[in-house]
Protein backbone atom coordinates (compact mmCIF):
# COMPACT_ATOMS: atom_id res chain seq x y z
CA MET A 1 125.69 106.48 131.60
CA GLU A 2 122.13 105.17 131.99
CA GLY A 3 120.93 107.83 129.55
CA SER A 4 123.50 106.77 126.96
CA LYS A 5 122.49 103.12 127.27
CA ARG A 6 118.82 104.05 126.87
CA ILE A 7 119.52 106.11 123.74
CA LEU A 8 121.61 103.28 122.31
CA LEU A 9 118.86 100.75 123.07
CA TYR A 10 116.14 102.93 121.49
CA SER A 11 118.29 103.60 118.42
CA ALA A 12 119.04 99.90 117.95
CA SER A 13 115.33 99.04 118.36
CA ILE A 14 114.26 101.68 115.81
CA ILE A 15 116.87 100.59 113.26
CA THR A 16 115.94 96.93 113.72
CA GLY A 17 112.25 97.73 113.42
CA ILE A 18 112.78 99.72 110.21
CA PHE A 19 114.89 96.92 108.75
CA PHE A 20 112.26 94.26 109.38
CA LEU A 21 109.47 96.61 108.20
CA VAL A 22 111.22 97.22 104.87
CA TRP A 23 112.10 93.53 104.50
CA GLY A 24 108.53 92.52 105.28
CA LEU A 25 107.08 95.01 102.76
CA LEU A 26 109.42 93.73 100.06
CA GLU A 27 108.61 90.09 100.75
CA ALA A 28 104.86 90.69 101.06
CA LYS A 29 104.50 92.74 97.86
CA SER A 30 102.51 90.04 96.04
CA VAL A 31 100.00 89.96 98.92
CA LEU A 32 99.89 93.56 100.14
CA ALA A 33 100.09 95.44 96.82
CA PRO A 34 96.78 94.10 95.38
CA LEU A 35 95.10 94.37 98.80
CA ILE A 36 96.07 98.03 99.36
CA THR A 37 95.20 98.83 95.73
CA ALA A 38 91.79 97.24 96.30
CA ILE A 39 91.24 99.31 99.46
CA ILE A 40 92.06 102.54 97.59
CA LEU A 41 89.81 101.58 94.64
CA ALA A 42 86.99 100.59 97.00
CA LEU A 43 87.19 103.99 98.71
CA VAL A 44 87.01 105.71 95.32
CA ILE A 45 83.92 103.78 94.16
CA LEU A 46 82.26 103.81 97.61
CA PRO A 47 80.02 106.88 96.98
CA MET A 48 78.60 105.20 93.85
CA ALA A 49 78.05 101.94 95.76
CA LYS A 50 76.19 103.81 98.52
CA TRP A 51 74.02 105.58 95.94
CA MET A 52 73.11 102.27 94.24
CA GLU A 53 72.28 100.71 97.62
CA LYS A 54 69.25 103.02 97.83
CA SER A 55 67.50 100.85 95.25
CA LEU A 56 69.59 97.65 95.20
CA LYS A 57 70.79 95.13 97.74
CA ARG A 58 74.33 95.70 99.02
CA GLY A 59 75.72 92.52 97.49
CA PHE A 60 74.43 93.39 94.02
CA SER A 61 75.48 97.06 94.24
CA SER A 62 78.97 96.01 95.39
CA LEU A 63 79.23 93.56 92.50
CA LEU A 64 78.02 96.16 89.99
CA SER A 65 80.47 98.78 91.33
CA THR A 66 83.31 96.27 91.05
CA PHE A 67 82.39 95.48 87.44
CA ILE A 68 82.34 99.20 86.59
CA LEU A 69 85.90 99.52 87.91
CA LEU A 70 86.90 96.37 86.04
CA PHE A 71 85.53 97.63 82.72
CA ILE A 72 87.25 101.01 83.15
CA SER A 73 90.59 99.28 83.77
CA LEU A 74 90.02 96.96 80.79
CA GLY A 75 89.39 100.02 78.63
CA PHE A 76 92.71 101.50 79.72
CA ALA A 77 94.45 98.18 79.00
CA ALA A 78 92.84 98.10 75.53
CA LEU A 79 94.14 101.62 74.82
CA LEU A 80 97.66 100.57 75.78
CA SER A 81 97.44 97.37 73.71
CA TYR A 82 96.24 99.26 70.65
CA GLN A 83 99.00 101.85 71.03
CA ALA A 84 101.59 99.08 71.38
CA LYS A 85 100.29 97.48 68.17
CA VAL A 86 100.54 100.84 66.38
CA PHE A 87 104.13 101.18 67.59
CA VAL A 88 105.05 97.70 66.31
CA ASP A 89 103.43 98.43 62.95
CA SER A 90 105.23 101.79 62.74
CA TRP A 91 108.64 100.40 63.74
CA PRO A 92 109.99 99.96 60.15
CA ASP A 93 109.15 103.61 59.38
CA ILE A 94 110.67 104.78 62.67
CA LYS A 95 113.84 102.79 62.00
CA GLU A 96 114.15 104.16 58.46
CA THR A 97 113.58 107.73 59.65
CA MET A 98 115.95 107.61 62.62
CA GLU A 99 118.97 105.72 61.26
CA PRO A 100 120.33 108.70 59.23
CA LYS A 101 119.78 111.03 62.20
CA ILE A 102 121.59 108.61 64.53
CA GLU A 103 124.54 108.53 62.12
CA GLN A 104 124.59 112.34 62.05
CA LEU A 105 124.51 112.42 65.85
CA LYS A 106 127.38 109.92 66.06
CA THR A 107 129.44 112.01 63.63
CA PHE A 108 128.80 115.12 65.72
CA VAL A 109 129.68 113.34 68.99
CA THR A 110 132.90 111.78 67.69
CA GLY A 111 133.94 115.09 66.11
CA ASN A 112 133.31 117.25 69.19
CA THR A 113 134.01 114.97 72.15
CA PHE A 114 136.66 112.52 73.33
CA LEU A 115 134.47 109.53 72.33
CA THR A 116 135.38 107.36 69.34
CA GLU A 117 133.37 105.13 66.97
CA SER A 118 134.13 102.06 69.07
CA ASP A 119 132.68 103.73 72.21
CA LEU A 120 129.27 104.22 70.57
CA PRO A 121 126.59 101.63 69.69
CA THR A 122 126.80 100.28 66.15
CA SER A 123 124.18 101.23 63.60
CA GLY A 124 123.00 97.64 63.57
CA SER A 125 121.81 97.91 67.16
CA LEU A 126 118.70 99.77 66.03
CA SER A 127 117.97 97.16 63.42
CA SER A 128 118.31 94.37 65.96
CA VAL A 129 115.33 95.70 67.93
CA GLY A 130 112.32 93.61 67.06
CA GLY A 131 114.49 91.01 65.32
CA GLU A 132 113.63 87.35 65.14
CA SER A 133 116.39 86.03 67.39
CA GLY A 134 115.12 84.69 70.68
CA GLU A 135 111.47 85.32 69.85
CA GLY A 136 110.38 81.98 71.32
CA THR A 137 112.08 82.72 74.64
CA ILE A 138 110.61 86.22 74.75
CA ILE A 139 107.09 84.92 74.03
CA ILE A 140 107.34 82.27 76.76
CA SER A 141 108.67 84.82 79.24
CA MET A 142 105.92 87.30 78.37
CA PHE A 143 103.26 84.59 78.65
CA GLY A 144 104.50 83.61 82.11
CA ARG A 145 104.56 87.19 83.33
CA GLY A 146 101.20 87.93 81.74
CA THR A 147 99.61 84.98 83.54
CA GLY A 148 100.99 86.18 86.88
CA TYR A 149 99.84 89.75 86.28
CA MET A 150 96.38 88.58 85.21
CA GLY A 151 95.99 86.55 88.41
CA THR A 152 96.97 89.53 90.58
CA TYR A 153 94.77 91.83 88.48
CA LEU A 154 91.64 89.70 88.97
CA LEU A 155 92.45 89.14 92.65
CA THR A 156 92.46 92.91 93.19
CA PHE A 157 88.86 93.21 91.98
CA ILE A 158 87.78 90.25 94.09
CA TYR A 159 89.18 92.16 97.08
CA VAL A 160 87.28 95.29 95.98
CA PHE A 161 83.98 93.38 96.00
CA PHE A 162 84.52 91.92 99.48
CA ILE A 163 85.68 95.25 100.93
CA LEU A 164 82.57 97.01 99.59
CA ASN A 165 80.18 94.24 100.58
CA TYR A 166 81.53 93.70 104.10
CA ARG A 167 82.75 97.22 104.91
CA HIS A 168 80.49 97.58 107.98
CA ARG A 169 81.92 94.37 109.41
CA PHE A 170 85.45 95.76 109.00
CA ARG A 171 84.37 99.02 110.66
CA SER A 172 82.85 97.09 113.58
CA PHE A 173 86.09 95.13 113.91
CA LEU A 174 88.07 98.38 114.22
CA LEU A 175 85.64 99.71 116.83
CA ARG A 176 85.90 96.49 118.86
CA LEU A 177 89.70 96.84 118.97
CA PHE A 178 89.40 100.01 121.06
CA SER A 179 87.46 101.08 124.11
CA ASP A 180 84.06 102.77 123.81
CA GLU A 181 85.57 106.15 124.74
CA LYS A 182 87.74 106.03 121.62
CA GLY A 183 84.92 104.96 119.31
CA ASP A 184 84.31 108.51 118.10
CA ASP A 185 88.01 108.97 117.34
CA VAL A 186 88.12 105.71 115.36
CA ASN A 187 85.02 106.71 113.39
CA GLN A 188 86.55 110.11 112.65
CA ILE A 189 89.81 108.54 111.43
CA VAL A 190 87.91 106.13 109.15
CA GLU A 191 85.73 108.92 107.72
CA GLU A 192 88.63 111.31 107.17
CA SER A 193 90.78 108.58 105.59
CA ALA A 194 88.00 107.66 103.17
CA ASN A 195 87.37 111.32 102.33
CA VAL A 196 91.01 112.17 101.71
CA VAL A 197 91.45 109.24 99.28
CA GLN A 198 88.18 109.98 97.46
CA GLN A 199 88.88 113.70 97.12
CA TYR A 200 92.46 113.18 96.00
CA LEU A 201 91.71 110.55 93.35
CA VAL A 202 88.53 112.24 92.06
CA GLY A 203 90.52 115.46 91.78
CA LYS A 204 93.22 113.54 89.93
CA LEU A 205 90.67 112.12 87.47
CA ILE A 206 89.35 115.62 86.71
CA LEU A 207 92.93 116.81 86.25
CA ILE A 208 93.60 113.88 83.87
CA GLY A 209 90.58 114.86 81.76
CA LEU A 210 91.71 118.50 81.52
CA LEU A 211 95.27 117.43 80.69
CA ALA A 212 94.01 115.09 77.97
CA ILE A 213 92.21 118.03 76.35
CA THR A 214 95.32 120.23 76.65
CA TYR A 215 97.58 117.53 75.17
CA SER A 216 95.09 116.85 72.36
CA ILE A 217 95.03 120.48 71.28
CA GLY A 218 98.83 120.83 71.32
CA LEU A 219 99.68 117.47 69.76
CA GLY A 220 96.91 117.80 67.16
CA ILE A 221 98.28 121.17 66.01
CA THR A 222 101.81 119.73 66.06
CA GLY A 223 100.86 116.84 63.77
CA VAL A 224 101.39 113.80 66.03
CA SER A 225 99.72 110.68 64.64
CA ASN A 226 96.88 109.24 66.78
CA PHE A 227 97.16 112.41 68.88
CA ILE A 228 93.86 111.89 70.74
CA LEU A 229 94.80 108.38 71.86
CA VAL A 230 98.35 109.46 72.74
CA SER A 231 96.96 112.41 74.73
CA ILE A 232 94.57 110.22 76.74
CA ILE A 233 97.29 107.70 77.58
CA ALA A 234 99.82 110.44 78.44
CA ALA A 235 97.26 112.08 80.74
CA LEU A 236 96.43 108.76 82.43
CA PHE A 237 100.11 108.15 83.12
CA THR A 238 100.12 111.24 85.37
CA LEU A 239 98.64 108.93 88.02
CA ILE A 240 102.29 107.93 88.48
CA PRO A 241 103.78 110.94 90.28
CA TYR A 242 106.69 112.66 88.48
CA LEU A 243 107.58 109.63 86.33
CA GLY A 244 104.20 109.66 84.55
CA ASN A 245 104.89 113.00 82.88
CA ILE A 246 108.17 111.67 81.48
CA ILE A 247 106.47 108.54 80.14
CA GLY A 248 103.80 110.67 78.46
CA PHE A 249 106.45 112.89 76.85
CA VAL A 250 108.38 109.88 75.55
CA LEU A 251 105.15 108.39 74.17
CA ALA A 252 104.39 111.59 72.26
CA LEU A 253 107.99 111.69 71.07
CA VAL A 254 107.75 108.15 69.67
CA PHE A 255 104.55 108.76 67.71
CA GLY A 256 105.51 112.28 66.70
CA TYR A 257 109.16 113.00 66.09
CA LEU A 258 110.44 109.43 65.66
CA THR A 259 107.75 108.69 63.06
CA SER A 260 108.08 111.89 61.03
CA GLY A 261 111.65 112.93 61.83
CA GLU A 262 110.66 116.60 61.50
CA ILE A 263 112.27 119.13 63.86
CA GLY A 264 109.05 121.19 63.83
CA VAL A 265 107.14 118.25 65.33
CA LEU A 266 109.80 117.85 68.04
CA ILE A 267 109.60 121.55 68.93
CA GLY A 268 105.79 121.35 69.01
CA ILE A 269 105.86 118.37 71.39
CA VAL A 270 108.33 120.11 73.72
CA ILE A 271 106.21 123.29 73.75
CA THR A 272 102.99 121.31 74.33
CA PHE A 273 104.35 119.43 77.33
CA THR A 274 106.08 122.50 78.76
CA VAL A 275 102.86 124.53 78.62
CA ALA A 276 100.82 121.58 79.94
CA GLN A 277 103.17 121.04 82.89
CA PHE A 278 103.08 124.76 83.73
CA PHE A 279 99.28 124.66 83.46
CA GLU A 280 99.14 121.55 85.67
CA SER A 281 101.55 122.81 88.34
CA TYR A 282 100.24 126.35 88.75
CA VAL A 283 96.56 126.15 87.72
CA LEU A 284 95.13 122.61 87.69
CA GLN A 285 97.00 121.11 90.65
CA PRO A 286 96.22 123.91 93.15
CA PHE A 287 92.60 124.54 92.08
CA VAL A 288 91.44 121.06 90.98
CA VAL A 289 93.36 118.76 93.32
CA GLY A 290 94.35 121.46 95.82
CA GLN A 291 95.27 120.41 99.34
CA LYS A 292 93.23 117.22 99.16
CA VAL A 293 96.02 115.32 100.87
CA ASP A 294 97.43 117.35 103.75
CA VAL A 295 101.03 116.15 103.36
CA HIS A 296 104.18 118.26 103.16
CA PRO A 297 105.73 118.31 99.63
CA PHE A 298 109.06 117.01 100.96
CA PHE A 299 107.43 113.87 102.36
CA VAL A 300 105.36 113.47 99.18
CA ILE A 301 108.58 113.23 97.15
CA LEU A 302 110.17 110.95 99.77
CA ALA A 303 107.10 108.68 99.84
CA VAL A 304 107.11 108.36 96.04
CA ILE A 305 110.83 107.45 96.04
CA VAL A 306 110.36 104.89 98.82
CA GLY A 307 107.25 103.49 97.11
CA ASN A 308 109.20 103.02 93.89
CA ALA A 309 112.08 101.35 95.73
CA LEU A 310 109.73 98.92 97.50
CA TRP A 311 107.00 98.09 94.98
CA GLY A 312 107.92 99.83 91.72
CA ILE A 313 105.27 101.73 89.74
CA ILE A 314 102.33 100.51 91.85
CA GLY A 315 104.20 101.72 94.93
CA MET A 316 104.56 105.18 93.39
CA ILE A 317 100.82 105.35 92.62
CA LEU A 318 99.80 104.25 96.12
CA ALA A 319 102.42 106.33 97.97
CA ILE A 320 100.53 109.64 98.24
CA PRO A 321 97.07 108.37 99.33
CA VAL A 322 98.65 105.89 101.78
CA LEU A 323 100.84 108.63 103.27
CA GLY A 324 97.74 110.83 103.55
CA ILE A 325 95.96 108.11 105.56
CA ILE A 326 99.03 107.55 107.76
CA THR A 327 99.21 111.30 108.47
CA ILE A 328 95.54 111.38 109.52
CA VAL A 329 96.05 108.42 111.87
CA PHE A 330 99.14 110.00 113.41
CA LEU A 331 97.35 113.33 113.97
CA HIS A 332 94.61 111.57 115.97
CA VAL A 333 96.94 109.46 118.16
CA PRO A 334 98.41 111.62 120.96
CA THR A 335 101.73 109.76 121.18
CA LEU A 336 102.22 109.94 117.39
CA GLU A 337 100.84 113.47 116.90
CA PRO A 338 104.33 115.03 116.53
CA PHE A 339 104.99 112.72 113.54
CA GLY A 340 101.58 113.63 112.10
CA PHE A 341 102.48 117.31 112.38
CA LEU A 342 105.86 116.63 110.74
CA PHE A 343 104.24 114.83 107.77
CA SER A 344 101.38 117.32 107.36
CA ASP A 345 101.47 120.64 105.56
CA LYS A 346 100.14 122.58 108.53
CA GLU A 347 102.01 125.65 109.71
CA SER A 348 103.59 125.71 113.15
CA ASP A 349 101.70 127.63 115.84
CA SER A 350 104.89 129.27 117.08
C-alpha cells in the first residue's frame, strides 16, 4: 500500500511539474526565445571573437563579432524582402497563368469525385488575393507586428554582445554554484556544450552552401526565374528541420511552375528537390554534419515537434542544439545519466 501511494505521489508530482514547465515556457517565450537564440549565436561566433581578442580588447572584439552576425542576418532579411517584392510584382502573371489550370482541375475533380461546384472555392478567390479591401487594416497590423519583431530582433544581438563580453563572469558564476570537486565536471560540460553547438551549426552552414549550389544547378537548368536567389533562400530555410525543405520546395514552385505554367518546369523542380534531398540525407548530412549532436533520431523529431508547439519556427530551429546541450548535461550528472543515455545515440553496452 505504501508503495502504491509513493508511485501515485511521484506520478502526480511529475505530471504537475511538466504542466508548469510547459506553461512557463509558453508564457516566457518573449523573454526566453531571444535569450536562448543569443546564447546559441554567441557560441557560434565565439571562435572568431577569441581570435580577434589576440589583437583587440574583449569589449571591441565582442562588439565587432556582434555586428558581423547582425549584418549577416540583415543580408538574409534583404534577400527575403527582395524575393517578396518579386512575388508581388509577378502576382498578375501568376494569376493569369494559374486561373485556367485551376478551372481544369475543378472540372476534373467534380467529374471524378463526389464533390460539386459549390463544395470548391470560386474562381474569384484567386483574384481576391492581393485585392484592395482591408489594405489599411492589414498595413496597420503588419506595422504593429513588425515593430514588435524588430524590438526582439535587436534585443537578441544586445544579448549576444553581453554574453560574449562577460562570458568568463558567467563561467565563474557556474563554478561558484558547485563545490570545488565538481569544478572539472562543470568546465567539461561547458566546453562540450559549446563545442556541440559550434560543430553542429558550422556543419549546417557548410551543408547550406552545398545545397545552394545543388539547387542552383537544378533550378537553373529547369528554367526557374531568379534561380540563384531562390536556391540560396531555399537552402537557408533548411535551418528549420523538416519544414524548411517544404518551404524551399514551395518557393521554387511559386517562381517556377506558377509563373510559367509549364509542366516541364514542374517536373524539373520535383526532380531537383528529390535529388537534393537524397544527396543531403545520404551524403551531406552524414559526412558534413555527421554525429555533431549525439542525440537519438527519435528524440530529434520529438524535440522539433515540441519546439514548434511551444515557440513556433524559432522553437524548431533551437530544438536540436538545445537538446544536444541537455543530453550532455544529463550524461555528466549521475542521477540523470539514464535520461542522458536515453536521449543520446550511443549503443547499449549489453
